[in-house]
């Protein structure tokens, strides 16, 4: 079982760090969702307000999103399988957050 932050600040910090993706894909994303294990449900939604690019010494980079919480998003509480492409968003799984 993957441990996942229980407090809102910890959840947000974990969720906003995207895995490696193309610049084009990152620009298409408008929302990001936090997925909690072991409940396997969406527990939070954020609308992206800013994106930054973090570059590593090896030349690779990852996108880091900042956003505002959308507390009434209809996908909160939904199983992960039903939300894979909802609202043009991306789900952040704890197990692949840095891949």
PDB file of N, CA and C in Angstrom:
ATOM      1  N   UNK A   1       0.854  -1.186   0.000  1.00  0.00           N
ATOM      2  CA  UNK A   1       0.000   0.000   0.000  1.00  0.00           C
ATOM      3  C   UNK A   1       0.887   1.232   0.000  1.00  0.00           C
ATOM      4  N   UNK A   2       0.604   2.127  -0.913  1.00  0.00           N
ATOM      5  CA  UNK A   2       1.375   3.361  -1.000  1.00  0.00           C
ATOM      6  C   UNK A   2       0.856   4.357   0.030  1.00  0.00           C
ATOM      7  N   UNK A   3       1.745   4.896   0.835  1.00  0.00           N
ATOM      8  CA  UNK A   3       1.332   5.925   1.790  1.00  0.00           C
ATOM      9  C   UNK A   3       1.068   7.208   1.020  1.00  0.00           C
ATOM     10  N   UNK A   4       0.029   7.901   1.402  1.00  0.00           N
ATOM     11  CA  UNK A   4      -0.331   9.126   0.711  1.00  0.00           C
ATOM     12  C   UNK A   4      -0.651  10.192   1.742  1.00  0.00           C
ATOM     13  N   UNK A   5      -0.246  11.431   1.505  1.00  0.00           N
ATOM     14  CA  UNK A   5      -0.479  12.472   2.501  1.00  0.00           C
ATOM     15  C   UNK A   5      -1.961  12.611   2.844  1.00  0.00           C
ATOM     16  N   UNK A   6      -2.250  12.766   4.113  1.00  0.00           N
ATOM     17  CA  UNK A   6      -3.635  12.910   4.562  1.00  0.00           C
ATOM     18  C   UNK A   6      -4.054  14.375   4.675  1.00  0.00           C
ATOM     19  N   UNK A   7      -3.094  15.267   4.889  1.00  0.00           N
ATOM     20  CA  UNK A   7      -3.438  16.676   5.030  1.00  0.00           C
ATOM     21  C   UNK A   7      -3.508  17.337   3.654  1.00  0.00           C
ATOM     22  N   UNK A   8      -4.287  18.398   3.551  1.00  0.00           N
ATOM     23  CA  UNK A   8      -4.510  19.047   2.260  1.00  0.00           C
ATOM     24  C   UNK A   8      -3.235  19.593   1.639  1.00  0.00           C
ATOM     25  N   UNK A   9      -2.367  20.185   2.438  1.00  0.00           N
ATOM     26  CA  UNK A   9      -1.130  20.748   1.899  1.00  0.00           C
ATOM     27  C   UNK A   9      -0.235  19.653   1.341  1.00  0.00           C
ATOM     28  N   UNK A  10      -0.084  18.565   2.068  1.00  0.00           N
ATOM     29  CA  UNK A  10       0.739  17.457   1.605  1.00  0.00           C
ATOM     30  C   UNK A  10       0.165  16.803   0.358  1.00  0.00           C
ATOM     31  N   UNK A  11      -1.150  16.678   0.319  1.00  0.00           N
ATOM     32  CA  UNK A  11      -1.815  16.102  -0.841  1.00  0.00           C
ATOM     33  C   UNK A  11      -1.577  16.961  -2.075  1.00  0.00           C
ATOM     34  N   UNK A  12      -1.714  18.261  -1.918  1.00  0.00           N
ATOM     35  CA  UNK A  12      -1.512  19.177  -3.038  1.00  0.00           C
ATOM     36  C   UNK A  12      -0.075  19.129  -3.539  1.00  0.00           C
ATOM     37  N   UNK A  13       0.878  19.180  -2.632  1.00  0.00           N
ATOM     38  CA  UNK A  13       2.286  19.159  -3.030  1.00  0.00           C
ATOM     39  C   UNK A  13       2.620  17.892  -3.794  1.00  0.00           C
ATOM     40  N   UNK A  14       2.075  16.775  -3.364  1.00  0.00           N
ATOM     41  CA  UNK A  14       2.348  15.506  -4.049  1.00  0.00           C
ATOM     42  C   UNK A  14       1.670  15.482  -5.417  1.00  0.00           C
ATOM     43  N   UNK A  15       0.452  15.973  -5.480  1.00  0.00           N
ATOM     44  CA  UNK A  15      -0.326  15.881  -6.716  1.00  0.00           C
ATOM     45  C   UNK A  15       0.163  16.824  -7.798  1.00  0.00           C
ATOM     46  N   UNK A  16       0.717  17.962  -7.426  1.00  0.00           N
ATOM     47  CA  UNK A  16       1.037  18.972  -8.433  1.00  0.00           C
ATOM     48  C   UNK A  16       2.318  18.689  -9.205  1.00  0.00           C
ATOM     49  N   UNK A  17       3.107  17.746  -8.748  1.00  0.00           N
ATOM     50  CA  UNK A  17       4.362  17.433  -9.431  1.00  0.00           C
ATOM     51  C   UNK A  17       4.112  16.378 -10.500  1.00  0.00           C
ATOM     52  N   UNK A  18       4.139  16.799 -11.739  1.00  0.00           N
ATOM     53  CA  UNK A  18       3.819  15.904 -12.848  1.00  0.00           C
ATOM     54  C   UNK A  18       4.971  14.985 -13.167  1.00  0.00           C
ATOM     55  N   UNK A  19       4.659  13.846 -13.762  1.00  0.00           N
ATOM     56  CA  UNK A  19       5.714  12.992 -14.289  1.00  0.00           C
ATOM     57  C   UNK A  19       6.189  13.577 -15.613  1.00  0.00           C
ATOM     58  N   UNK A  20       7.174  12.973 -16.218  1.00  0.00           N
ATOM     59  CA  UNK A  20       7.709  13.471 -17.486  1.00  0.00           C
ATOM     60  C   UNK A  20       6.664  13.338 -18.574  1.00  0.00           C
ATOM     61  N   UNK A  21       6.426  14.391 -19.302  1.00  0.00           N
ATOM     62  CA  UNK A  21       5.494  14.357 -20.418  1.00  0.00           C
ATOM     63  C   UNK A  21       5.924  15.402 -21.429  1.00  0.00           C
ATOM     64  N   UNK A  22       5.406  15.296 -22.625  1.00  0.00           N
ATOM     65  CA  UNK A  22       5.783  16.244 -23.663  1.00  0.00           C
ATOM     66  C   UNK A  22       5.235  17.628 -23.337  1.00  0.00           C
ATOM     67  N   UNK A  23       5.887  18.643 -23.884  1.00  0.00           N
ATOM     68  CA  UNK A  23       5.415  20.011 -23.688  1.00  0.00           C
ATOM     69  C   UNK A  23       4.006  20.179 -24.236  1.00  0.00           C
ATOM     70  N   UNK A  24       3.746  19.550 -25.378  1.00  0.00           N
ATOM     71  CA  UNK A  24       2.424  19.651 -25.992  1.00  0.00           C
ATOM     72  C   UNK A  24       1.353  19.086 -25.067  1.00  0.00           C
ATOM     73  N   UNK A  25       1.624  17.918 -24.516  1.00  0.00           N
ATOM     74  CA  UNK A  25       0.650  17.290 -23.617  1.00  0.00           C
ATOM     75  C   UNK A  25       0.441  18.139 -22.376  1.00  0.00           C
ATOM     76  N   UNK A  26       1.511  18.665 -21.822  1.00  0.00           N
ATOM     77  CA  UNK A  26       1.400  19.491 -20.616  1.00  0.00           C
ATOM     78  C   UNK A  26       0.548  20.724 -20.869  1.00  0.00           C
ATOM     79  N   UNK A  27       0.675  21.322 -22.052  1.00  0.00           N
ATOM     80  CA  UNK A  27      -0.090  22.528 -22.371  1.00  0.00           C
ATOM     81  C   UNK A  27      -1.566  22.234 -22.583  1.00  0.00           C
ATOM     82  N   UNK A  28      -1.896  20.979 -22.902  1.00  0.00           N
ATOM     83  CA  UNK A  28      -3.294  20.607 -23.117  1.00  0.00           C
ATOM     84  C   UNK A  28      -4.052  20.398 -21.807  1.00  0.00           C
ATOM     85  N   UNK A  29      -3.334  20.147 -20.743  1.00  0.00           N
ATOM     86  CA  UNK A  29      -3.974  19.804 -19.476  1.00  0.00           C
ATOM     87  C   UNK A  29      -4.498  21.051 -18.779  1.00  0.00           C
ATOM     88  N   UNK A  30      -5.757  21.014 -18.361  1.00  0.00           N
ATOM     89  CA  UNK A  30      -6.375  22.146 -17.672  1.00  0.00           C
ATOM     90  C   UNK A  30      -6.663  21.840 -16.210  1.00  0.00           C
ATOM     91  N   UNK A  31      -6.750  20.562 -15.881  1.00  0.00           N
ATOM     92  CA  UNK A  31      -7.054  20.149 -14.512  1.00  0.00           C
ATOM     93  C   UNK A  31      -6.102  19.032 -14.116  1.00  0.00           C
ATOM     94  N   UNK A  32      -5.823  18.936 -12.832  1.00  0.00           N
ATOM     95  CA  UNK A  32      -5.127  17.748 -12.366  1.00  0.00           C
ATOM     96  C   UNK A  32      -5.828  17.228 -11.121  1.00  0.00           C
ATOM     97  N   UNK A  33      -5.824  15.909 -11.018  1.00  0.00           N
ATOM     98  CA  UNK A  33      -6.540  15.218  -9.965  1.00  0.00           C
ATOM     99  C   UNK A  33      -5.568  14.449  -9.093  1.00  0.00           C
ATOM    100  N   UNK A  34      -5.883  14.337  -7.829  1.00  0.00           N
ATOM    101  CA  UNK A  34      -5.087  13.526  -6.915  1.00  0.00           C
ATOM    102  C   UNK A  34      -5.827  12.219  -6.662  1.00  0.00           C
ATOM    103  N   UNK A  35      -5.098  11.136  -6.794  1.00  0.00           N
ATOM    104  CA  UNK A  35      -5.624   9.791  -6.601  1.00  0.00           C
ATOM    105  C   UNK A  35      -5.068   9.253  -5.296  1.00  0.00           C
ATOM    106  N   UNK A  36      -5.916   8.696  -4.462  1.00  0.00           N
ATOM    107  CA  UNK A  36      -5.447   8.174  -3.184  1.00  0.00           C
ATOM    108  C   UNK A  36      -5.466   6.657  -3.174  1.00  0.00           C
ATOM    109  N   UNK A  37      -4.360   6.072  -2.821  1.00  0.00           N
ATOM    110  CA  UNK A  37      -4.265   4.640  -2.611  1.00  0.00           C
ATOM    111  C   UNK A  37      -4.281   4.435  -1.098  1.00  0.00           C
ATOM    112  N   UNK A  38      -4.968   3.461  -0.579  1.00  0.00           N
ATOM    113  CA  UNK A  38      -5.571   2.308  -1.228  1.00  0.00           C
ATOM    114  C   UNK A  38      -7.043   2.457  -1.596  1.00  0.00           C
ATOM    115  N   UNK A  39      -7.642   3.628  -1.417  1.00  0.00           N
ATOM    116  CA  UNK A  39      -9.080   3.740  -1.725  1.00  0.00           C
ATOM    117  C   UNK A  39      -9.350   3.723  -3.223  1.00  0.00           C
ATOM    118  N   UNK A  40      -8.326   4.020  -4.032  1.00  0.00           N
ATOM    119  CA  UNK A  40      -8.419   3.989  -5.489  1.00  0.00           C
ATOM    120  C   UNK A  40      -9.536   4.894  -6.015  1.00  0.00           C
ATOM    121  N   UNK A  41      -9.596   6.065  -5.434  1.00  0.00           N
ATOM    122  CA  UNK A  41     -10.575   7.052  -5.878  1.00  0.00           C
ATOM    123  C   UNK A  41      -9.905   8.410  -5.998  1.00  0.00           C
ATOM    124  N   UNK A  42     -10.528   9.277  -6.774  1.00  0.00           N
ATOM    125  CA  UNK A  42     -10.069  10.655  -6.865  1.00  0.00           C
ATOM    126  C   UNK A  42     -10.447  11.358  -5.561  1.00  0.00           C
ATOM    127  N   UNK A  43      -9.488  12.006  -4.938  1.00  0.00           N
ATOM    128  CA  UNK A  43      -9.757  12.667  -3.671  1.00  0.00           C
ATOM    129  C   UNK A  43      -9.661  14.187  -3.762  1.00  0.00           C
ATOM    130  N   UNK A  44      -9.139  14.710  -4.860  1.00  0.00           N
ATOM    131  CA  UNK A  44      -9.042  16.162  -5.004  1.00  0.00           C
ATOM    132  C   UNK A  44      -8.899  16.527  -6.473  1.00  0.00           C
ATOM    133  N   UNK A  45      -9.347  17.730  -6.814  1.00  0.00           N
ATOM    134  CA  UNK A  45      -9.218  18.251  -8.177  1.00  0.00           C
ATOM    135  C   UNK A  45      -8.684  19.673  -8.095  1.00  0.00           C
ATOM    136  N   UNK A  46      -7.818  20.026  -9.046  1.00  0.00           N
ATOM    137  CA  UNK A  46      -7.259  21.371  -9.105  1.00  0.00           C
ATOM    138  C   UNK A  46      -7.316  21.875 -10.536  1.00  0.00           C
ATOM    139  N   UNK A  47      -7.693  23.138 -10.712  1.00  0.00           N
ATOM    140  CA  UNK A  47      -7.627  23.765 -12.027  1.00  0.00           C
ATOM    141  C   UNK A  47      -6.273  24.450 -12.134  1.00  0.00           C
ATOM    142  N   UNK A  48      -5.558  24.161 -13.197  1.00  0.00           N
ATOM    143  CA  UNK A  48      -4.193  24.675 -13.344  1.00  0.00           C
ATOM    144  C   UNK A  48      -4.187  26.190 -13.539  1.00  0.00           C
ATOM    145  N   UNK A  49      -3.374  26.863 -12.746  1.00  0.00           N
ATOM    146  CA  UNK A  49      -3.216  28.312 -12.867  1.00  0.00           C
ATOM    147  C   UNK A  49      -1.815  28.682 -13.342  1.00  0.00           C
ATOM    148  N   UNK A  50      -0.874  27.748 -13.229  1.00  0.00           N
ATOM    149  CA  UNK A  50       0.494  28.032 -13.641  1.00  0.00           C
ATOM    150  C   UNK A  50       1.230  26.715 -13.866  1.00  0.00           C
ATOM    151  N   UNK A  51       2.195  26.721 -14.792  1.00  0.00           N
ATOM    152  CA  UNK A  51       3.040  25.549 -15.004  1.00  0.00           C
ATOM    153  C   UNK A  51       4.493  26.004 -15.039  1.00  0.00           C
ATOM    154  N   UNK A  52       5.328  25.213 -14.442  1.00  0.00           N
ATOM    155  CA  UNK A  52       6.761  25.494 -14.508  1.00  0.00           C
ATOM    156  C   UNK A  52       7.474  24.227 -14.959  1.00  0.00           C
ATOM    157  N   UNK A  53       8.666  24.415 -15.448  1.00  0.00           N
ATOM    158  CA  UNK A  53       9.458  23.300 -15.960  1.00  0.00           C
ATOM    159  C   UNK A  53      10.692  23.157 -15.093  1.00  0.00           C
ATOM    160  N   UNK A  54      10.891  21.975 -14.563  1.00  0.00           N
ATOM    161  CA  UNK A  54      12.060  21.691 -13.735  1.00  0.00           C
ATOM    162  C   UNK A  54      13.022  20.854 -14.568  1.00  0.00           C
ATOM    163  N   UNK A  55      14.250  21.320 -14.721  1.00  0.00           N
ATOM    164  CA  UNK A  55      15.240  20.609 -15.532  1.00  0.00           C
ATOM    165  C   UNK A  55      16.277  19.957 -14.633  1.00  0.00           C
ATOM    166  N   UNK A  56      16.571  18.710 -14.935  1.00  0.00           N
ATOM    167  CA  UNK A  56      17.568  17.959 -14.178  1.00  0.00           C
ATOM    168  C   UNK A  56      18.943  18.117 -14.813  1.00  0.00           C
ATOM    169  N   UNK A  57      19.970  17.702 -14.093  1.00  0.00           N
ATOM    170  CA  UNK A  57      21.342  17.781 -14.598  1.00  0.00           C
ATOM    171  C   UNK A  57      21.545  16.966 -15.870  1.00  0.00           C
ATOM    172  N   UNK A  58      20.769  15.890 -16.027  1.00  0.00           N
ATOM    173  CA  UNK A  58      20.927  15.034 -17.204  1.00  0.00           C
ATOM    174  C   UNK A  58      20.172  15.571 -18.428  1.00  0.00           C
ATOM    175  N   UNK A  59      19.572  16.758 -18.296  1.00  0.00           N
ATOM    176  CA  UNK A  59      18.880  17.374 -19.420  1.00  0.00           C
ATOM    177  C   UNK A  59      17.402  17.051 -19.507  1.00  0.00           C
ATOM    178  N   UNK A  60      16.938  16.059 -18.738  1.00  0.00           N
ATOM    179  CA  UNK A  60      15.520  15.725 -18.743  1.00  0.00           C
ATOM    180  C   UNK A  60      14.768  16.760 -17.914  1.00  0.00           C
ATOM    181  N   UNK A  61      13.482  16.830 -18.153  1.00  0.00           N
ATOM    182  CA  UNK A  61      12.691  17.782 -17.395  1.00  0.00           C
ATOM    183  C   UNK A  61      11.335  17.203 -17.048  1.00  0.00           C
ATOM    184  N   UNK A  62      10.681  17.842 -16.085  1.00  0.00           N
ATOM    185  CA  UNK A  62       9.319  17.471 -15.755  1.00  0.00           C
ATOM    186  C   UNK A  62       8.527  18.748 -15.505  1.00  0.00           C
ATOM    187  N   UNK A  63       7.251  18.658 -15.777  1.00  0.00           N
ATOM    188  CA  UNK A  63       6.354  19.784 -15.569  1.00  0.00           C
ATOM    189  C   UNK A  63       5.809  19.748 -14.149  1.00  0.00           C
ATOM    190  N   UNK A  64       5.756  20.904 -13.539  1.00  0.00           N
ATOM    191  CA  UNK A  64       5.163  21.031 -12.216  1.00  0.00           C
ATOM    192  C   UNK A  64       4.010  22.013 -12.349  1.00  0.00           C
ATOM    193  N   UNK A  65       2.838  21.562 -11.953  1.00  0.00           N
ATOM    194  CA  UNK A  65       1.644  22.390 -12.081  1.00  0.00           C
ATOM    195  C   UNK A  65       1.290  23.031 -10.748  1.00  0.00           C
ATOM    196  N   UNK A  66       0.725  24.226 -10.836  1.00  0.00           N
ATOM    197  CA  UNK A  66       0.125  24.861  -9.667  1.00  0.00           C
ATOM    198  C   UNK A  66      -1.339  25.074  -9.999  1.00  0.00           C
ATOM    199  N   UNK A  67      -2.184  24.999  -8.999  1.00  0.00           N
ATOM    200  CA  UNK A  67      -3.600  25.144  -9.293  1.00  0.00           C
ATOM    201  C   UNK A  67      -4.414  25.536  -8.091  1.00  0.00           C
ATOM    202  N   UNK A  68      -5.674  25.852  -8.369  1.00  0.00           N
ATOM    203  CA  UNK A  68      -6.621  26.176  -7.317  1.00  0.00           C
ATOM    204  C   UNK A  68      -7.586  25.012  -7.152  1.00  0.00           C
ATOM    205  N   UNK A  69      -7.958  24.685  -5.914  1.00  0.00           N
ATOM    206  CA  UNK A  69      -8.836  23.529  -5.707  1.00  0.00           C
ATOM    207  C   UNK A  69     -10.237  23.765  -6.243  1.00  0.00           C
ATOM    208  N   UNK A  70     -10.789  22.731  -6.845  1.00  0.00           N
ATOM    209  CA  UNK A  70     -12.179  22.734  -7.301  1.00  0.00           C
ATOM    210  C   UNK A  70     -12.902  21.741  -6.401  1.00  0.00           C
ATOM    211  N   UNK A  71     -13.474  22.229  -5.323  1.00  0.00           N
ATOM    212  CA  UNK A  71     -14.041  21.353  -4.302  1.00  0.00           C
ATOM    213  C   UNK A  71     -15.338  20.675  -4.722  1.00  0.00           C
ATOM    214  N   UNK A  72     -16.030  21.239  -5.710  1.00  0.00           N
ATOM    215  CA  UNK A  72     -17.301  20.643  -6.121  1.00  0.00           C
ATOM    216  C   UNK A  72     -17.181  19.881  -7.436  1.00  0.00           C
ATOM    217  N   UNK A  73     -15.955  19.530  -7.819  1.00  0.00           N
ATOM    218  CA  UNK A  73     -15.769  18.773  -9.059  1.00  0.00           C
ATOM    219  C   UNK A  73     -16.524  17.450  -8.959  1.00  0.00           C
ATOM    220  N   UNK A  74     -17.320  17.106  -9.977  1.00  0.00           N
ATOM    221  CA  UNK A  74     -18.130  15.879  -9.910  1.00  0.00           C
ATOM    222  C   UNK A  74     -17.311  14.597  -9.913  1.00  0.00           C
ATOM    223  N   UNK A  75     -16.017  14.681 -10.248  1.00  0.00           N
ATOM    224  CA  UNK A  75     -15.200  13.484 -10.296  1.00  0.00           C
ATOM    225  C   UNK A  75     -14.623  13.096  -8.936  1.00  0.00           C
ATOM    226  N   UNK A  76     -14.672  13.992  -7.963  1.00  0.00           N
ATOM    227  CA  UNK A  76     -14.151  13.675  -6.634  1.00  0.00           C
ATOM    228  C   UNK A  76     -14.985  12.540  -6.044  1.00  0.00           C
ATOM    229  N   UNK A  77     -14.301  11.505  -5.613  1.00  0.00           N
ATOM    230  CA  UNK A  77     -14.970  10.333  -5.063  1.00  0.00           C
ATOM    231  C   UNK A  77     -15.211   9.235  -6.078  1.00  0.00           C
ATOM    232  N   UNK A  78     -14.946   9.525  -7.352  1.00  0.00           N
ATOM    233  CA  UNK A  78     -15.153   8.535  -8.399  1.00  0.00           C
ATOM    234  C   UNK A  78     -13.971   7.573  -8.480  1.00  0.00           C
ATOM    235  N   UNK A  79     -14.238   6.318  -8.877  1.00  0.00           N
ATOM    236  CA  UNK A  79     -13.133   5.379  -9.081  1.00  0.00           C
ATOM    237  C   UNK A  79     -12.217   5.873 -10.192  1.00  0.00           C
ATOM    238  N   UNK A  80     -10.954   5.547 -10.097  1.00  0.00           N
ATOM    239  CA  UNK A  80      -9.962   6.021 -11.057  1.00  0.00           C
ATOM    240  C   UNK A  80     -10.299   5.610 -12.484  1.00  0.00           C
ATOM    241  N   UNK A  81     -10.831   4.403 -12.660  1.00  0.00           N
ATOM    242  CA  UNK A  81     -11.106   3.899 -14.005  1.00  0.00           C
ATOM    243  C   UNK A  81     -12.072   4.790 -14.777  1.00  0.00           C
ATOM    244  N   UNK A  82     -12.934   5.508 -14.077  1.00  0.00           N
ATOM    245  CA  UNK A  82     -13.959   6.298 -14.755  1.00  0.00           C
ATOM    246  C   UNK A  82     -13.492   7.699 -15.126  1.00  0.00           C
ATOM    247  N   UNK A  83     -12.301   8.064 -14.715  1.00  0.00           N
ATOM    248  CA  UNK A  83     -11.892   9.456 -14.855  1.00  0.00           C
ATOM    249  C   UNK A  83     -10.643   9.641 -15.712  1.00  0.00           C
ATOM    250  N   UNK A  84     -10.176   8.591 -16.332  1.00  0.00           N
ATOM    251  CA  UNK A  84      -8.890   8.639 -17.018  1.00  0.00           C
ATOM    252  C   UNK A  84      -8.764   9.822 -17.971  1.00  0.00           C
ATOM    253  N   UNK A  85      -9.810  10.184 -18.655  1.00  0.00           N
ATOM    254  CA  UNK A  85      -9.722  11.287 -19.603  1.00  0.00           C
ATOM    255  C   UNK A  85     -10.758  12.376 -19.310  1.00  0.00           C
ATOM    256  N   UNK A  86     -11.268  12.401 -18.124  1.00  0.00           N
ATOM    257  CA  UNK A  86     -12.309  13.371 -17.793  1.00  0.00           C
ATOM    258  C   UNK A  86     -11.780  14.796 -17.809  1.00  0.00           C
ATOM    259  N   UNK A  87     -12.533  15.661 -18.417  1.00  0.00           N
ATOM    260  CA  UNK A  87     -12.254  17.106 -18.410  1.00  0.00           C
ATOM    261  C   UNK A  87     -10.856  17.463 -18.892  1.00  0.00           C
ATOM    262  N   UNK A  88     -10.232  16.620 -19.673  1.00  0.00           N
ATOM    263  CA  UNK A  88      -8.893  16.937 -20.169  1.00  0.00           C
ATOM    264  C   UNK A  88      -7.861  16.988 -19.062  1.00  0.00           C
ATOM    265  N   UNK A  89      -8.127  16.269 -17.994  1.00  0.00           N
ATOM    266  CA  UNK A  89      -7.226  16.309 -16.858  1.00  0.00           C
ATOM    267  C   UNK A  89      -6.251  15.157 -16.856  1.00  0.00           C
ATOM    268  N   UNK A  90      -5.446  15.118 -15.841  1.00  0.00           N
ATOM    269  CA  UNK A  90      -4.477  14.039 -15.682  1.00  0.00           C
ATOM    270  C   UNK A  90      -4.489  13.624 -14.223  1.00  0.00           C
ATOM    271  N   UNK A  91      -4.400  12.317 -14.001  1.00  0.00           N
ATOM    272  CA  UNK A  91      -4.402  11.784 -12.644  1.00  0.00           C
ATOM    273  C   UNK A  91      -2.970  11.563 -12.196  1.00  0.00           C
ATOM    274  N   UNK A  92      -2.701  11.901 -10.975  1.00  0.00           N
ATOM    275  CA  UNK A  92      -1.365  11.695 -10.426  1.00  0.00           C
ATOM    276  C   UNK A  92      -1.389  10.505  -9.480  1.00  0.00           C
ATOM    277  N   UNK A  93      -0.814   9.395  -9.944  1.00  0.00           N
ATOM    278  CA  UNK A  93      -0.748   8.187  -9.131  1.00  0.00           C
ATOM    279  C   UNK A  93       0.476   8.253  -8.240  1.00  0.00           C
ATOM    280  N   UNK A  94       0.326   7.928  -6.969  1.00  0.00           N
ATOM    281  CA  UNK A  94       1.494   7.960  -6.085  1.00  0.00           C
ATOM    282  C   UNK A  94       2.644   7.091  -6.581  1.00  0.00           C
ATOM    283  N   UNK A  95       2.326   5.938  -7.160  1.00  0.00           N
ATOM    284  CA  UNK A  95       3.398   5.017  -7.538  1.00  0.00           C
ATOM    285  C   UNK A  95       4.189   5.451  -8.753  1.00  0.00           C
ATOM    286  N   UNK A  96       3.685   6.373  -9.570  1.00  0.00           N
ATOM    287  CA  UNK A  96       4.472   6.803 -10.732  1.00  0.00           C
ATOM    288  C   UNK A  96       4.660   8.316 -10.772  1.00  0.00           C
ATOM    289  N   UNK A  97       4.580   8.935  -9.627  1.00  0.00           N
ATOM    290  CA  UNK A  97       4.639  10.396  -9.574  1.00  0.00           C
ATOM    291  C   UNK A  97       5.965  10.926 -10.120  1.00  0.00           C
ATOM    292  N   UNK A  98       7.031  10.161 -10.033  1.00  0.00           N
ATOM    293  CA  UNK A  98       8.335  10.642 -10.502  1.00  0.00           C
ATOM    294  C   UNK A  98       8.812   9.932 -11.766  1.00  0.00           C
ATOM    295  N   UNK A  99       7.947   9.193 -12.443  1.00  0.00           N
ATOM    296  CA  UNK A  99       8.347   8.492 -13.653  1.00  0.00           C
ATOM    297  C   UNK A  99       8.029   9.335 -14.882  1.00  0.00           C
TER     298      UNK A  99
END
